[in-house]
Amino acid sequence: MRTLKEIQMNDLRGQYLRLQPEIDRAMQEVLTSTAFIRGPQVKAFADELSHYLSIPYVIPCGNGTDALQMALTGLGLQPGDEVIVPAFTYAAAVEVVALSGMVPVIVDVDPQTYNIDPELIEAAVSPRTKAIIAVHLFGQCCDMETISAMASRHRLYVIEDNAQSVGATCSFSDGTVRHGGTIGHVGATSFFPSKPLACYGDGGAMMTSDPELAELLQKIANHGQKQKYHHEVIGCNSRLDTLQAAILRVKLKYMDAFTLARRQAAHYYNERLNDHPFIQAPCKAPYSTHVYHQYTIRVRDGKRDGLQCFLRERGIPSMIYYPLPMQEQEAFRPLCRVPFPATVAADLCREVLSLPMHTEMTAEEQGYIMDTIWSYE
């Protein structure tokens, strides 16, 4: 019988135990101060993340979905406007468009990177199209050079959903290298506990290089006010609480080490799956680094569900991100415009399977996972 400890999809407990003295100290400082809302750690974290990402303005908020919705509001988009979104993604990007009374325009994704296919974006643009949400999926950036050039030609806003790819960088043909989330008009991210940069609850942030937009987004997140009780615009209540900011300040110091650990785990997986007969390892785009928020394989020949069951029976968790493309989701089907069939997304939903991937993975765990996969026929 196997003697390995229980394998986790994302070992949050193991990571906490490794950082426990620093995390506990940071939380205790907040508890002692009782500055639970807008405490000094919130601004300190925003400044430190701004420095890490090399972008002037970081506006913390309550969660990643709020960040996306406030970005749409801050850019002045109106009900009836069209926003291009990928067919293969988490629902938040489409959800905020629909909630704002706008029309999600569903565009298929690249079969190698799983990110939105930039060649299809331009063909989907109509006179009503006002923005693109580029979701940097599973840990690597979209082709932002192509997307940015196309958006400039059509005068479209670009919003980056960088929740799964904090730390990834995108390279441009002129030699420029920029962090994901800092390239478009607004970047949005989530600090949900499983994300690359994660707190212990909900949290999010917006990033921009535009000082006027940054000031507006800050107001929107704070009931539309800059000065207390003076409401200049219609806003909402979306705050990163001080306890979460304190935790994030600790974790941000370890971001590069966390990324290295996931990359090393991914390298091992890649090597072991290199010549597998029906499994395709994730493909890294030449223009992006990869932080491997998820390690998502494609299982061919209709074997995905059988493999998942086989792994589960042997103590190995896995997840299907995502089981349905956006154009097939009941909530969005009547609201979307789908200019072309999103066949790649549909294929991915039948074939993708995410394996355990986190900062605490051991060689023994990885060896067992790969040996088990190779024993499945």
Protein backbone atom coordinates (compact mmCIF):
# COMPACT_ATOMS: atom_id res chain seq x y z
CA MET A 1 0.00 0.00 0.00
CA ARG A 2 1.15 3.53 -0.80
CA THR A 3 2.65 5.44 2.14
CA LEU A 4 2.61 8.91 0.58
CA LYS A 5 0.76 11.61 2.44
CA GLU A 6 -2.57 12.64 0.89
CA ILE A 7 -1.85 14.39 -2.39
CA GLN A 8 -3.40 17.85 -2.74
CA MET A 9 -4.40 19.76 -5.86
CA ASN A 10 -3.05 22.86 -4.10
CA ASP A 11 -1.38 22.40 -0.73
CA LEU A 12 -2.42 25.60 1.05
CA ARG A 13 -1.77 24.10 4.47
CA GLY A 14 1.76 23.06 3.60
CA GLN A 15 2.59 26.50 2.28
CA TYR A 16 1.10 28.16 5.36
CA LEU A 17 3.16 25.96 7.70
CA ARG A 18 6.30 26.92 5.83
CA LEU A 19 5.52 30.63 6.24
CA GLN A 20 3.67 30.37 9.56
CA PRO A 21 5.93 32.54 11.75
CA GLU A 22 5.81 35.45 9.29
CA ILE A 23 2.12 35.05 8.46
CA ASP A 24 1.11 34.83 12.11
CA ARG A 25 3.21 37.84 13.02
CA ALA A 26 1.74 39.91 10.22
CA MET A 27 -1.80 38.99 11.18
CA GLN A 28 -1.15 39.65 14.86
CA GLU A 29 0.06 43.16 14.05
CA VAL A 30 -3.26 43.89 12.38
CA LEU A 31 -5.24 42.35 15.24
CA THR A 32 -3.31 44.42 17.75
CA SER A 33 -3.80 47.62 15.79
CA THR A 34 -7.50 46.87 15.08
CA ALA A 35 -7.13 48.79 11.80
CA PHE A 36 -9.13 46.17 9.93
CA ILE A 37 -10.31 48.41 7.08
CA ARG A 38 -7.88 50.64 5.15
CA GLY A 39 -5.06 49.93 7.55
CA PRO A 40 -1.51 50.89 6.58
CA GLN A 41 -0.77 47.39 5.25
CA VAL A 42 -3.21 47.93 2.37
CA LYS A 43 -1.31 50.89 0.94
CA ALA A 44 2.01 49.20 1.69
CA PHE A 45 0.93 46.11 -0.26
CA ALA A 46 -0.30 48.22 -3.18
CA ASP A 47 3.05 50.01 -3.31
CA GLU A 48 5.01 46.75 -3.12
CA LEU A 49 2.93 45.07 -5.82
CA SER A 50 3.31 48.18 -7.97
CA HIS A 51 7.08 47.87 -7.63
CA TYR A 52 7.03 44.12 -8.35
CA LEU A 53 4.96 44.56 -11.50
CA SER A 54 6.71 47.78 -12.58
CA ILE A 55 3.45 49.67 -12.99
CA PRO A 56 2.65 53.05 -11.37
CA TYR A 57 -0.80 52.35 -9.97
CA VAL A 58 -2.25 49.36 -8.11
CA ILE A 59 -5.75 49.74 -6.68
CA PRO A 60 -6.64 46.93 -4.23
CA CYS A 61 -10.26 45.80 -4.09
CA GLY A 62 -12.56 43.10 -2.75
CA ASN A 63 -12.06 40.37 -5.36
CA GLY A 64 -11.08 39.72 -8.95
CA THR A 65 -14.63 39.82 -10.30
CA ASP A 66 -15.14 43.27 -8.79
CA ALA A 67 -11.87 44.33 -10.39
CA LEU A 68 -13.13 43.32 -13.84
CA GLN A 69 -16.50 44.98 -13.38
CA MET A 70 -15.00 48.22 -12.07
CA ALA A 71 -12.59 48.24 -14.99
CA LEU A 72 -15.53 48.20 -17.41
CA THR A 73 -17.17 51.02 -15.47
CA GLY A 74 -13.99 53.09 -15.22
CA LEU A 75 -13.43 52.87 -18.96
CA GLY A 76 -16.88 54.32 -19.55
CA LEU A 77 -18.45 51.34 -21.29
CA GLN A 78 -22.22 51.46 -21.62
CA PRO A 79 -25.09 48.94 -21.81
CA GLY A 80 -25.32 47.55 -25.33
CA ASP A 81 -21.59 47.83 -25.98
CA GLU A 82 -19.88 44.66 -27.13
CA VAL A 83 -16.91 43.18 -25.27
CA ILE A 84 -14.86 40.37 -26.79
CA VAL A 85 -14.15 37.50 -24.40
CA PRO A 86 -12.63 34.02 -24.80
CA ALA A 87 -14.84 30.96 -25.18
CA PHE A 88 -12.62 28.92 -22.85
CA THR A 89 -12.31 30.63 -19.48
CA TYR A 90 -13.76 30.97 -16.01
CA ALA A 91 -17.18 32.62 -16.07
CA ALA A 92 -16.18 35.88 -14.33
CA ALA A 93 -14.98 37.59 -17.52
CA VAL A 94 -18.28 36.93 -19.27
CA GLU A 95 -20.37 37.44 -16.15
CA VAL A 96 -19.25 41.03 -15.56
CA VAL A 97 -20.00 41.96 -19.16
CA ALA A 98 -23.52 40.53 -18.93
CA LEU A 99 -24.16 42.08 -15.50
CA SER A 100 -23.23 45.48 -16.92
CA GLY A 101 -25.84 45.15 -19.67
CA MET A 102 -23.19 44.67 -22.35
CA VAL A 103 -22.94 41.96 -24.98
CA PRO A 104 -20.26 39.29 -24.57
CA VAL A 105 -18.80 38.39 -27.97
CA ILE A 106 -17.42 34.88 -27.71
CA VAL A 107 -14.18 34.18 -29.58
CA ASP A 108 -12.42 30.83 -29.84
CA VAL A 109 -9.01 30.09 -28.34
CA ASP A 110 -5.65 28.87 -29.56
CA PRO A 111 -5.41 25.04 -29.36
CA GLN A 112 -1.85 25.17 -28.03
CA THR A 113 -1.92 27.91 -25.38
CA TYR A 114 -5.69 27.78 -24.58
CA ASN A 115 -5.68 31.60 -24.62
CA ILE A 116 -7.89 33.71 -26.87
CA ASP A 117 -6.90 33.44 -30.53
CA PRO A 118 -5.81 36.95 -31.61
CA GLU A 119 -6.36 36.17 -35.30
CA LEU A 120 -10.06 35.61 -34.60
CA ILE A 121 -10.54 38.75 -32.52
CA GLU A 122 -10.28 41.18 -35.40
CA ALA A 123 -12.82 39.26 -37.49
CA ALA A 124 -15.27 39.46 -34.57
CA VAL A 125 -15.11 43.26 -34.23
CA SER A 126 -18.30 45.14 -35.10
CA PRO A 127 -19.22 48.85 -34.89
CA ARG A 128 -20.55 48.16 -31.38
CA THR A 129 -17.35 46.54 -30.10
CA LYS A 130 -15.65 48.65 -27.47
CA ALA A 131 -13.28 46.38 -25.54
CA ILE A 132 -11.46 43.07 -25.27
CA ILE A 133 -10.95 41.08 -22.09
CA ALA A 134 -7.72 39.12 -22.53
CA VAL A 135 -7.68 36.30 -19.97
CA HIS A 136 -4.16 35.07 -19.24
CA LEU A 137 -5.18 31.49 -18.59
CA PHE A 138 -3.46 28.85 -16.44
CA GLY A 139 -0.27 30.88 -15.93
CA GLN A 140 0.84 32.40 -19.22
CA CYS A 141 0.07 35.60 -21.09
CA CYS A 142 -2.01 36.03 -24.21
CA ASP A 143 -0.29 37.30 -27.35
CA MET A 144 -0.48 40.87 -26.13
CA GLU A 145 1.61 42.38 -28.93
CA THR A 146 -0.87 41.21 -31.56
CA ILE A 147 -3.89 42.00 -29.40
CA SER A 148 -2.63 45.50 -28.51
CA ALA A 149 -1.88 46.38 -32.14
CA MET A 150 -5.30 45.17 -33.28
CA ALA A 151 -7.03 47.03 -30.45
CA SER A 152 -5.19 50.21 -31.38
CA ARG A 153 -6.33 49.92 -35.00
CA HIS A 154 -9.95 49.61 -33.94
CA ARG A 155 -9.75 51.98 -30.94
CA LEU A 156 -10.71 49.29 -28.47
CA TYR A 157 -9.95 49.14 -24.77
CA VAL A 158 -7.94 46.16 -23.52
CA ILE A 159 -8.64 44.72 -20.07
CA GLU A 160 -6.30 41.98 -18.85
CA ASP A 161 -7.62 39.30 -16.51
CA ASN A 162 -4.37 38.28 -14.85
CA ALA A 163 -5.82 36.35 -11.91
CA GLN A 164 -4.11 33.09 -12.92
CA SER A 165 -0.83 34.53 -14.17
CA VAL A 166 0.63 37.01 -11.70
CA GLY A 167 4.38 36.85 -12.20
CA ALA A 168 4.24 35.86 -15.88
CA THR A 169 5.89 38.22 -18.35
CA CYS A 170 5.19 38.95 -22.00
CA SER A 171 7.96 39.71 -24.53
CA PHE A 172 7.59 42.06 -27.50
CA SER A 173 9.43 42.15 -30.80
CA ASP A 174 11.25 45.37 -29.85
CA GLY A 175 12.82 43.62 -26.85
CA THR A 176 10.41 45.03 -24.28
CA VAL A 177 9.34 42.67 -21.50
CA ARG A 178 6.30 43.49 -19.38
CA HIS A 179 4.37 41.75 -16.66
CA GLY A 180 0.96 40.35 -17.47
CA GLY A 181 -1.71 42.73 -16.23
CA THR A 182 0.36 45.84 -17.00
CA ILE A 183 0.05 45.98 -20.79
CA GLY A 184 -3.58 46.90 -21.52
CA HIS A 185 -5.56 49.89 -20.32
CA VAL A 186 -6.46 48.08 -17.07
CA GLY A 187 -5.27 44.86 -15.50
CA ALA A 188 -7.40 42.93 -13.03
CA THR A 189 -6.36 40.17 -10.68
CA SER A 190 -7.69 37.97 -7.90
CA PHE A 191 -5.99 36.91 -4.68
CA PHE A 192 -8.31 33.93 -4.12
CA PRO A 193 -6.48 31.34 -1.95
CA SER A 194 -5.51 29.06 -4.84
CA LYS A 195 -4.08 31.79 -7.08
CA PRO A 196 -0.34 32.33 -7.70
CA LEU A 197 -0.41 35.35 -5.38
CA ALA A 198 -3.03 34.44 -2.81
CA CYS A 199 -4.54 35.58 0.46
CA TYR A 200 -6.70 33.62 2.91
CA GLY A 201 -10.06 34.85 1.70
CA ASP A 202 -11.25 37.07 -1.11
CA GLY A 203 -9.17 39.89 -2.51
CA GLY A 204 -8.29 41.54 -5.78
CA ALA A 205 -6.64 44.50 -7.46
CA MET A 206 -6.64 46.66 -10.57
CA MET A 207 -3.48 47.91 -12.30
CA THR A 208 -3.03 50.80 -14.71
CA SER A 209 -0.44 53.28 -15.95
CA ASP A 210 -3.04 56.03 -16.43
CA PRO A 211 -3.13 58.41 -13.43
CA GLU A 212 -6.62 59.76 -14.18
CA LEU A 213 -8.04 56.26 -14.63
CA ALA A 214 -6.32 55.12 -11.44
CA GLU A 215 -7.95 57.94 -9.47
CA LEU A 216 -11.35 57.11 -10.95
CA LEU A 217 -11.00 53.39 -10.18
CA GLN A 218 -10.01 54.24 -6.61
CA LYS A 219 -13.17 56.33 -6.27
CA ILE A 220 -15.40 53.66 -7.79
CA ALA A 221 -14.08 51.08 -5.34
CA ASN A 222 -14.81 53.44 -2.43
CA HIS A 223 -18.46 54.42 -2.93
CA GLY A 224 -17.48 56.96 -5.59
CA GLN A 225 -15.69 59.17 -3.08
CA LYS A 226 -12.20 60.57 -2.76
CA GLN A 227 -13.06 62.70 0.25
CA LYS A 228 -15.26 60.96 2.80
CA TYR A 229 -18.99 61.68 2.38
CA HIS A 230 -18.37 63.54 -0.91
CA HIS A 231 -19.52 61.21 -3.69
CA GLU A 232 -18.29 62.34 -7.09
CA VAL A 233 -19.29 59.27 -9.13
CA ILE A 234 -21.50 56.23 -8.66
CA GLY A 235 -19.33 53.63 -7.00
CA CYS A 236 -19.48 50.49 -4.95
CA ASN A 237 -17.92 49.03 -1.82
CA SER A 238 -14.99 46.84 -2.81
CA ARG A 239 -12.11 46.83 -0.37
CA LEU A 240 -9.14 44.59 0.31
CA ASP A 241 -9.23 44.20 4.08
CA THR A 242 -6.11 44.81 6.12
CA LEU A 243 -5.65 41.23 7.30
CA GLN A 244 -5.54 39.99 3.71
CA ALA A 245 -3.14 42.77 2.72
CA ALA A 246 -0.81 41.77 5.55
CA ILE A 247 -0.82 38.15 4.36
CA LEU A 248 -0.21 39.23 0.77
CA ARG A 249 2.77 41.35 1.79
CA VAL A 250 4.43 38.25 3.22
CA LYS A 251 3.62 36.08 0.22
CA LEU A 252 4.73 38.67 -2.32
CA LYS A 253 8.28 38.36 -0.96
CA TYR A 254 8.25 34.71 -1.99
CA MET A 255 6.61 35.09 -5.39
CA ASP A 256 9.73 34.31 -7.40
CA ALA A 257 10.51 31.28 -5.25
CA PHE A 258 6.92 30.04 -5.56
CA THR A 259 7.07 30.46 -9.34
CA LEU A 260 10.36 28.58 -9.52
CA ALA A 261 8.91 25.67 -7.53
CA ARG A 262 5.91 25.37 -9.87
CA ARG A 263 8.14 25.62 -12.94
CA GLN A 264 10.37 22.85 -11.64
CA ALA A 265 7.33 20.66 -11.02
CA ALA A 266 6.04 21.43 -14.52
CA HIS A 267 9.42 20.60 -16.04
CA TYR A 268 9.33 17.17 -14.44
CA TYR A 269 5.78 16.55 -15.68
CA ASN A 270 6.79 17.71 -19.16
CA GLU A 271 9.75 15.36 -19.28
CA ARG A 272 7.70 12.38 -18.18
CA LEU A 273 4.85 13.08 -20.62
CA ASN A 274 7.05 13.96 -23.58
CA ASP A 275 6.29 10.81 -25.57
CA HIS A 276 2.97 9.75 -24.07
CA PRO A 277 0.72 8.20 -26.74
CA PHE A 278 -2.51 10.06 -25.92
CA ILE A 279 -1.61 12.89 -23.52
CA GLN A 280 -0.44 16.35 -24.61
CA ALA A 281 1.47 18.37 -22.04
CA PRO A 282 0.80 22.13 -21.78
CA CYS A 283 2.44 24.25 -24.47
CA LYS A 284 4.35 27.38 -23.47
CA ALA A 285 4.03 30.29 -25.85
CA PRO A 286 7.35 31.69 -27.16
CA TYR A 287 6.36 35.25 -26.18
CA SER A 288 5.37 34.48 -22.56
CA THR A 289 6.85 32.98 -19.46
CA HIS A 290 4.66 30.50 -17.58
CA VAL A 291 3.93 30.42 -13.84
CA TYR A 292 1.86 27.19 -14.04
CA HIS A 293 -1.09 28.19 -11.92
CA GLN A 294 -2.58 25.03 -13.37
CA TYR A 295 -0.83 22.16 -15.10
CA THR A 296 -3.47 21.27 -17.66
CA ILE A 297 -3.00 18.35 -20.03
CA ARG A 298 -5.12 17.28 -23.00
CA VAL A 299 -6.21 13.64 -22.90
CA ARG A 300 -7.01 12.37 -26.37
CA ASP A 301 -9.01 9.44 -27.73
CA GLY A 302 -11.92 9.92 -25.34
CA LYS A 303 -9.85 8.73 -22.36
CA ARG A 304 -10.07 11.84 -20.16
CA ASP A 305 -12.92 10.78 -17.87
CA GLY A 306 -11.55 7.26 -17.52
CA LEU A 307 -8.13 8.60 -16.57
CA GLN A 308 -9.62 10.96 -14.01
CA CYS A 309 -11.50 8.08 -12.37
CA PHE A 310 -8.36 5.91 -12.46
CA LEU A 311 -6.33 8.64 -10.73
CA ARG A 312 -9.03 9.27 -8.12
CA GLU A 313 -9.12 5.57 -7.18
CA ARG A 314 -5.39 5.78 -6.52
CA GLY A 315 -5.52 8.88 -4.35
CA ILE A 316 -4.60 11.45 -6.99
CA PRO A 317 -6.93 14.44 -7.33
CA SER A 318 -7.50 16.23 -10.63
CA MET A 319 -9.86 18.89 -11.90
CA ILE A 320 -11.59 19.76 -15.15
CA TYR A 321 -11.06 23.45 -15.91
CA TYR A 322 -13.53 23.94 -17.65
CA PRO A 323 -16.34 21.49 -18.45
CA LEU A 324 -18.35 23.83 -20.71
CA PRO A 325 -17.34 26.63 -23.09
CA MET A 326 -18.95 29.99 -22.44
CA GLN A 327 -21.27 29.83 -25.44
CA GLU A 328 -22.83 26.63 -24.04
CA GLN A 329 -23.42 27.95 -20.52
CA GLU A 330 -27.15 28.26 -19.85
CA ALA A 331 -26.83 31.68 -18.22
CA PHE A 332 -24.92 33.24 -21.11
CA ARG A 333 -26.29 31.44 -24.17
CA PRO A 334 -29.10 33.94 -24.86
CA LEU A 335 -26.92 36.98 -24.14
CA CYS A 336 -23.83 36.30 -26.22
CA ARG A 337 -22.90 36.95 -29.79
CA VAL A 338 -20.89 34.08 -31.25
CA PRO A 339 -19.61 35.22 -34.66
CA PHE A 340 -17.87 31.93 -35.46
CA PRO A 341 -18.11 28.38 -34.06
CA ALA A 342 -15.80 28.01 -31.06
CA THR A 343 -14.80 24.46 -31.88
CA VAL A 344 -11.39 24.51 -30.18
CA ALA A 345 -12.97 25.52 -26.87
CA ALA A 346 -15.54 22.74 -27.21
CA ASP A 347 -12.76 20.22 -27.86
CA LEU A 348 -10.76 21.45 -24.88
CA CYS A 349 -13.74 21.06 -22.57
CA ARG A 350 -13.88 17.38 -23.54
CA GLU A 351 -10.16 16.77 -23.16
CA VAL A 352 -8.53 18.98 -20.51
CA LEU A 353 -7.50 17.67 -17.12
CA SER A 354 -5.52 19.61 -14.52
CA LEU A 355 -3.05 17.68 -12.38
CA PRO A 356 -1.84 18.59 -8.87
CA MET A 357 0.36 21.69 -9.05
CA HIS A 358 1.55 23.82 -6.16
CA THR A 359 4.59 25.15 -4.37
CA GLU A 360 4.92 22.25 -1.93
CA MET A 361 5.09 19.34 -4.38
CA THR A 362 7.64 16.64 -3.61
CA ALA A 363 9.59 14.49 -6.04
CA GLU A 364 7.96 11.42 -4.53
CA GLU A 365 4.45 12.78 -5.16
CA GLN A 366 5.26 13.74 -8.71
CA GLY A 367 6.86 10.39 -9.44
CA TYR A 368 3.82 8.57 -8.13
CA ILE A 369 1.46 10.73 -10.21
CA MET A 370 3.42 10.14 -13.41
CA ASP A 371 3.90 6.41 -12.76
CA THR A 372 0.15 6.11 -12.24
CA ILE A 373 -0.67 7.98 -15.44
CA TRP A 374 1.66 5.78 -17.44
CA SER A 375 0.01 2.66 -15.97
CA TYR A 376 -3.37 3.71 -17.42
CA GLU A 377 -4.18 2.24 -20.80
